[in-house]
N, C-alpha and C. Protein backbone atom coordinates (compact mmCIF):
# COMPACT_ATOMS: atom_id res chain seq x y z
N MET A 1 29.68 16.13 -5.04
CA MET A 1 28.93 16.85 -5.66
C MET A 1 27.32 17.07 -5.55
N ALA A 2 26.81 18.17 -5.66
CA ALA A 2 25.74 18.50 -5.10
C ALA A 2 24.81 17.54 -6.35
N LYS A 3 23.66 17.21 -6.11
CA LYS A 3 22.54 16.63 -7.34
C LYS A 3 21.04 17.45 -7.84
N THR A 4 20.78 17.28 -8.87
CA THR A 4 19.65 17.73 -9.01
C THR A 4 18.51 16.99 -9.12
N LEU A 5 17.28 17.04 -9.76
CA LEU A 5 16.64 16.58 -9.30
C LEU A 5 15.42 16.72 -10.48
N SER A 6 15.85 17.04 -11.15
CA SER A 6 15.01 17.33 -12.76
C SER A 6 14.56 16.25 -13.30
N GLN A 7 16.28 15.36 -13.80
CA GLN A 7 15.47 14.33 -15.07
C GLN A 7 15.25 13.02 -14.07
N ARG A 8 13.87 12.25 -14.96
CA ARG A 8 13.15 11.34 -14.39
C ARG A 8 13.40 10.14 -15.01
N ASN A 9 13.50 8.62 -14.90
CA ASN A 9 13.82 7.46 -15.56
C ASN A 9 13.27 6.17 -14.91
N TRP A 10 13.67 5.31 -15.40
CA TRP A 10 12.49 4.29 -14.66
C TRP A 10 14.20 3.10 -13.88
N PHE A 11 13.16 2.77 -12.74
CA PHE A 11 14.38 2.02 -11.85
C PHE A 11 13.17 0.93 -10.95
N ARG A 12 13.82 0.01 -10.68
CA ARG A 12 13.05 -1.20 -9.71
C ARG A 12 13.18 -0.83 -8.45
N TYR A 13 11.47 -1.01 -7.78
CA TYR A 13 11.20 -0.59 -6.95
C TYR A 13 10.68 -2.12 -6.05
N THR A 14 11.21 -2.17 -4.95
CA THR A 14 10.67 -3.68 -3.88
C THR A 14 9.61 -3.14 -3.00
N ASP A 15 8.70 -3.87 -3.66
CA ASP A 15 7.48 -3.02 -2.29
C ASP A 15 7.41 -4.42 -1.33
N GLU A 16 6.30 -3.41 -0.42
CA GLU A 16 6.56 -4.20 0.98
C GLU A 16 6.31 -5.74 1.09
N ASN A 17 5.54 -6.29 -0.46
CA ASN A 17 5.70 -8.27 -0.06
C ASN A 17 6.66 -8.37 -0.86
N ALA A 18 7.84 -7.86 -1.04
CA ALA A 18 9.05 -8.31 -1.81
C ALA A 18 8.73 -8.47 -3.18
N ASP A 19 7.73 -8.22 -3.85
CA ASP A 19 7.21 -7.95 -5.66
C ASP A 19 8.46 -6.68 -6.18
N THR A 20 8.80 -6.99 -7.09
CA THR A 20 9.71 -6.08 -7.50
C THR A 20 9.06 -5.13 -8.95
N LEU A 21 8.58 -3.93 -8.68
CA LEU A 21 7.85 -3.22 -9.89
C LEU A 21 9.24 -2.25 -10.49
N SER A 22 8.32 -1.64 -11.92
CA SER A 22 9.32 -0.35 -12.66
C SER A 22 8.47 0.56 -11.94
N VAL A 23 9.50 1.71 -11.69
CA VAL A 23 8.72 2.82 -11.10
C VAL A 23 9.67 3.94 -12.05
N GLN A 24 8.92 5.33 -12.04
CA GLN A 24 9.53 6.58 -12.80
C GLN A 24 10.08 7.02 -11.57
N VAL A 25 11.19 7.62 -11.37
CA VAL A 25 11.66 8.78 -10.21
C VAL A 25 13.15 9.29 -10.92
N GLN A 26 12.77 10.63 -9.85
CA GLN A 26 14.62 11.24 -10.50
C GLN A 26 15.58 10.38 -10.42
N ASP A 27 16.02 10.79 -11.78
CA ASP A 27 17.35 9.98 -12.06
C ASP A 27 18.26 9.74 -10.97
N VAL A 28 18.73 10.84 -10.47
CA VAL A 28 19.65 11.01 -9.19
C VAL A 28 19.17 10.40 -8.12
N LEU A 29 17.84 10.01 -8.17
CA LEU A 29 17.80 9.23 -6.74
C LEU A 29 18.27 7.33 -7.30
N GLY A 30 17.31 7.25 -8.07
CA GLY A 30 17.53 6.03 -9.02
C GLY A 30 18.96 5.21 -8.70
N LYS A 31 20.17 6.35 -9.03
CA LYS A 31 21.22 5.53 -9.24
C LYS A 31 22.12 6.27 -8.21
N ASN A 32 21.52 6.54 -7.09
CA ASN A 32 22.27 6.63 -5.51
C ASN A 32 21.95 5.54 -5.06
N VAL A 33 22.91 4.61 -4.28
CA VAL A 33 22.64 3.41 -3.75
C VAL A 33 21.80 3.60 -2.17
N ASP A 34 22.01 4.97 -1.75
CA ASP A 34 21.34 5.19 -0.48
C ASP A 34 20.14 5.14 -0.39
N PHE A 35 19.12 5.18 -1.78
CA PHE A 35 17.78 5.08 -2.21
C PHE A 35 17.36 3.55 -2.58
N GLY A 36 18.21 2.93 -2.48
CA GLY A 36 17.81 1.55 -2.79
C GLY A 36 17.15 1.13 -3.98
N PHE A 37 16.89 1.77 -4.85
CA PHE A 37 16.50 1.72 -6.07
C PHE A 37 17.61 0.49 -7.23
N ALA A 38 17.33 -0.14 -8.07
CA ALA A 38 18.41 -0.98 -8.59
C ALA A 38 17.47 -0.92 -10.30
N THR A 39 18.51 -1.14 -11.22
CA THR A 39 18.57 -1.26 -12.91
C THR A 39 17.44 -1.97 -13.04
N VAL A 40 16.13 -1.27 -13.82
CA VAL A 40 15.14 -2.15 -14.01
C VAL A 40 15.49 -2.94 -14.96
N ASN A 41 14.47 -4.35 -14.66
CA ASN A 41 14.45 -5.29 -15.53
C ASN A 41 12.70 -5.48 -16.54
N ALA A 42 13.39 -6.31 -17.39
CA ALA A 42 11.88 -6.24 -18.62
C ALA A 42 10.81 -7.22 -17.84
N ALA A 43 11.13 -7.69 -17.08
CA ALA A 43 10.32 -8.85 -16.35
C ALA A 43 9.29 -8.17 -15.26
N ASP A 44 9.74 -6.96 -14.69
CA ASP A 44 9.41 -6.12 -13.40
C ASP A 44 8.05 -5.59 -14.00
N ALA A 45 6.82 -5.66 -13.41
CA ALA A 45 5.56 -5.29 -13.91
C ALA A 45 5.73 -3.58 -13.54
N VAL A 46 5.20 -3.09 -14.20
CA VAL A 46 4.74 -1.60 -13.94
C VAL A 46 3.95 -0.83 -13.10
N ALA A 47 4.34 -0.16 -11.86
CA ALA A 47 3.74 0.08 -10.77
C ALA A 47 2.36 0.56 -11.34
N GLY A 48 1.48 0.44 -10.60
CA GLY A 48 0.00 0.78 -11.12
C GLY A 48 -0.41 2.25 -10.28
N LYS A 49 -1.37 3.02 -11.00
CA LYS A 49 -1.42 4.05 -10.40
C LYS A 49 -1.86 3.74 -8.94
N GLY A 50 -1.99 4.72 -7.98
CA GLY A 50 -2.36 4.76 -6.72
C GLY A 50 -1.34 4.26 -5.75
N LEU A 51 -0.31 3.34 -6.31
CA LEU A 51 0.58 3.09 -5.14
C LEU A 51 1.59 3.99 -4.86
N ARG A 52 1.33 4.36 -3.50
CA ARG A 52 2.38 5.13 -3.05
C ARG A 52 3.32 5.06 -2.53
N LEU A 53 4.78 5.53 -2.95
CA LEU A 53 5.99 4.97 -2.59
C LEU A 53 6.31 5.15 -1.30
N ARG A 54 7.40 4.43 -0.42
CA ARG A 54 7.75 4.64 0.47
C ARG A 54 8.81 5.78 0.23
N GLY A 55 9.32 6.71 1.49
CA GLY A 55 10.13 7.67 1.27
C GLY A 55 10.45 8.49 2.12
N ILE A 56 11.32 9.57 2.06
CA ILE A 56 11.74 10.13 3.33
C ILE A 56 11.44 11.53 3.01
N TYR A 57 11.16 12.52 4.10
CA TYR A 57 10.76 14.20 3.97
C TYR A 57 12.24 14.34 4.25
N VAL A 58 12.84 15.30 3.41
CA VAL A 58 13.98 16.26 3.73
C VAL A 58 14.11 18.14 3.89
N LYS A 59 14.51 18.30 4.95
CA LYS A 59 14.62 19.75 4.79
C LYS A 59 15.40 20.27 4.48
N HIS A 60 15.00 21.84 4.11
CA HIS A 60 16.28 22.93 3.48
C HIS A 60 16.78 23.59 4.92
N PRO A 61 18.00 23.77 5.41
CA PRO A 61 18.72 24.14 6.70
C PRO A 61 18.20 25.53 6.62
N THR A 62 18.12 26.38 5.38
CA THR A 62 17.69 27.75 6.00
C THR A 62 16.34 28.37 5.58
N ASP A 63 15.62 27.81 4.58
CA ASP A 63 14.25 28.37 4.33
C ASP A 63 13.35 27.68 4.96
N GLY A 64 13.78 26.23 5.54
CA GLY A 64 12.39 25.59 5.64
C GLY A 64 11.33 24.66 4.91
N ARG A 65 12.14 24.48 3.66
CA ARG A 65 11.04 23.92 2.53
C ARG A 65 10.99 22.37 2.69
N VAL A 66 10.36 21.72 2.74
CA VAL A 66 10.73 20.58 2.69
C VAL A 66 9.99 19.54 1.31
N ARG A 67 11.01 18.58 1.21
CA ARG A 67 10.98 17.44 0.11
C ARG A 67 10.20 16.43 0.09
N PHE A 68 9.20 15.51 -0.72
CA PHE A 68 9.35 13.93 -0.18
C PHE A 68 10.57 13.39 -1.27
N LEU A 69 11.23 12.20 -0.82
CA LEU A 69 12.30 11.64 -1.53
C LEU A 69 11.87 10.38 -1.59
N PRO A 70 11.59 9.59 -2.51
CA PRO A 70 10.99 8.04 -2.75
C PRO A 70 12.25 7.43 -2.11
N CYS A 71 12.04 5.77 -1.66
CA CYS A 71 13.13 5.07 -1.53
C CYS A 71 12.50 3.79 -2.33
N GLY A 72 13.84 3.10 -2.56
CA GLY A 72 13.18 1.80 -3.44
C GLY A 72 13.08 0.47 -2.62
N THR A 73 13.57 0.53 -1.43
CA THR A 73 13.47 -0.75 -0.65
C THR A 73 13.31 0.05 0.69
N GLY A 74 12.64 -0.89 1.71
CA GLY A 74 12.52 -0.36 2.85
C GLY A 74 13.48 -0.44 3.97
N VAL A 75 14.97 -0.97 3.65
CA VAL A 75 16.18 -1.48 4.35
C VAL A 75 17.46 -0.23 4.09
N CYS A 76 17.04 0.29 2.71
CA CYS A 76 17.81 1.41 2.32
C CYS A 76 18.59 2.64 3.34
N ASP A 77 19.50 2.88 3.03
CA ASP A 77 20.50 4.35 3.71
C ASP A 77 19.36 5.14 4.18
N ALA A 78 19.17 5.82 3.27
CA ALA A 78 18.30 7.08 3.17
C ALA A 78 16.89 6.77 4.08
N TYR A 79 16.24 5.52 4.40
CA TYR A 79 15.05 5.30 4.96
C TYR A 79 15.13 4.89 6.03
N SER A 80 16.49 4.27 6.46
CA SER A 80 16.37 3.47 7.65
C SER A 80 17.13 4.59 8.65
N VAL A 81 18.64 5.23 8.04
CA VAL A 81 19.27 5.80 8.95
C VAL A 81 18.95 6.75 9.72
N LEU A 82 18.89 7.12 10.70
CA LEU A 82 18.32 7.97 11.64
C LEU A 82 19.35 9.72 11.29
N GLY A 83 18.98 10.27 10.94
CA GLY A 83 19.64 11.65 10.72
C GLY A 83 20.08 11.79 9.24
N TYR A 84 19.92 11.05 8.47
CA TYR A 84 20.21 10.92 6.76
C TYR A 84 20.26 12.47 6.31
N SER A 85 21.48 12.80 5.80
CA SER A 85 21.41 13.93 4.63
C SER A 85 21.74 13.75 3.45
N LEU A 86 21.35 14.92 2.82
CA LEU A 86 21.64 14.79 1.13
C LEU A 86 22.13 16.02 1.05
N ASN A 87 22.77 16.35 -0.02
CA ASN A 87 23.32 17.52 -0.86
C ASN A 87 22.65 17.55 -2.09
N ILE A 88 21.66 18.88 -2.15
CA ILE A 88 20.55 18.90 -3.09
C ILE A 88 20.97 19.99 -4.00
N LYS A 89 21.15 20.15 -5.12
CA LYS A 89 21.40 21.48 -5.93
C LYS A 89 20.31 22.28 -6.87
N ASP A 90 19.62 22.92 -5.96
CA ASP A 90 18.50 23.80 -6.39
C ASP A 90 18.65 24.94 -7.54
N GLU A 91 18.12 25.07 -8.86
CA GLU A 91 17.92 25.86 -10.03
C GLU A 91 18.93 27.10 -9.59
N GLY A 92 19.79 27.09 -10.39
CA GLY A 92 20.67 28.43 -10.13
C GLY A 92 21.67 28.51 -8.81
N ASP A 93 21.62 27.39 -8.38
CA ASP A 93 22.82 27.25 -7.35
C ASP A 93 23.77 26.11 -7.83
N ALA A 94 25.18 26.80 -7.42
CA ALA A 94 26.24 26.26 -8.08
C ALA A 94 27.00 24.83 -7.43
N THR A 95 26.97 25.36 -5.89
CA THR A 95 27.15 23.93 -4.62
C THR A 95 26.52 23.30 -4.30
N GLY A 96 24.87 23.75 -4.42
CA GLY A 96 24.09 22.90 -3.59
C GLY A 96 24.25 22.61 -2.19
N VAL A 97 22.98 22.72 -1.10
CA VAL A 97 23.00 22.91 0.26
C VAL A 97 22.47 21.45 1.03
N THR A 98 22.99 21.05 2.11
CA THR A 98 22.77 19.80 3.10
C THR A 98 21.10 19.89 3.23
N TRP A 99 20.57 19.10 2.80
CA TRP A 99 18.95 19.00 3.71
C TRP A 99 19.09 17.71 4.36
N THR A 100 18.57 17.79 5.11
CA THR A 100 18.08 16.44 6.13
C THR A 100 16.96 16.00 6.42
N LYS A 101 17.08 14.90 6.67
CA LYS A 101 15.83 13.84 6.84
C LYS A 101 15.14 14.12 8.03
N THR A 102 14.05 14.29 8.21
CA THR A 102 12.80 14.90 9.06
C THR A 102 11.62 13.63 9.29
N GLY A 103 11.83 12.73 8.49
CA GLY A 103 10.59 11.89 8.58
C GLY A 103 10.74 10.95 7.42
N ARG A 104 9.79 9.88 7.39
CA ARG A 104 9.65 8.88 6.56
C ARG A 104 7.94 8.54 6.28
N ARG A 105 8.01 8.06 5.21
CA ARG A 105 6.41 7.84 5.36
C ARG A 105 6.42 6.29 4.78
N GLY A 106 5.82 5.34 4.83
CA GLY A 106 5.45 3.61 4.45
C GLY A 106 5.18 4.02 3.38
N GLU A 107 4.64 2.60 2.63
CA GLU A 107 3.94 2.60 1.29
C GLU A 107 2.74 2.39 1.68
N ARG A 108 1.91 2.46 0.74
CA ARG A 108 0.47 2.42 0.85
C ARG A 108 0.07 1.60 -0.70
N ALA A 109 -0.47 0.46 -0.68
CA ALA A 109 -1.14 -0.02 -1.94
C ALA A 109 -2.27 0.70 -2.31
N PRO A 110 -2.51 0.66 -3.49
CA PRO A 110 -3.91 0.92 -3.59
C PRO A 110 -4.91 0.08 -3.56
N SER A 111 -6.20 0.76 -3.54
CA SER A 111 -7.19 -0.07 -2.67
C SER A 111 -8.54 -0.04 -3.94
N PRO A 112 -9.33 -0.90 -3.95
CA PRO A 112 -10.30 -0.83 -4.96
C PRO A 112 -11.47 0.15 -4.36
N TYR A 113 -11.35 0.35 -2.97
CA TYR A 113 -12.22 1.72 -2.67
C TYR A 113 -11.37 3.02 -3.07
N ASP A 114 -10.28 3.17 -3.44
CA ASP A 114 -9.59 4.24 -3.95
C ASP A 114 -10.61 4.81 -5.07
N ARG A 115 -10.53 3.95 -6.24
CA ARG A 115 -11.33 3.66 -7.32
C ARG A 115 -12.41 4.29 -7.47
N TYR A 116 -12.99 3.59 -6.49
CA TYR A 116 -15.06 2.95 -6.56
C TYR A 116 -15.32 3.77 -5.21
N PRO A 117 -15.40 4.93 -5.24
CA PRO A 117 -15.59 5.32 -3.84
C PRO A 117 -17.34 5.18 -3.37
N VAL A 118 -17.68 4.45 -2.18
CA VAL A 118 -19.17 4.16 -1.83
C VAL A 118 -20.13 5.23 -1.12
């Protein structure tokens, strides 16, 4: 079944220090076990502004568009499996098309220098 990326919801993200945070991501990614997100817990702190989530880049097979999709852990299939692909449904597209992973980006925690430039 093709997936859409329009609705967002809160999910648990595990950062590189193994701390769990609440983040808002596309509902279809948060519910897909391949992306490593979990059900949010009331004890999880909300991720602060400036946290750049780890994730993957996927490419459309015909027109070359590239999208970034966040991943909830560094060991989930979407992040760790070479050649990972995902069927994504665009607006007006009845069946969706398979996008292929072209790369990945690691997490980056906010730095005090991001907020207070010297």
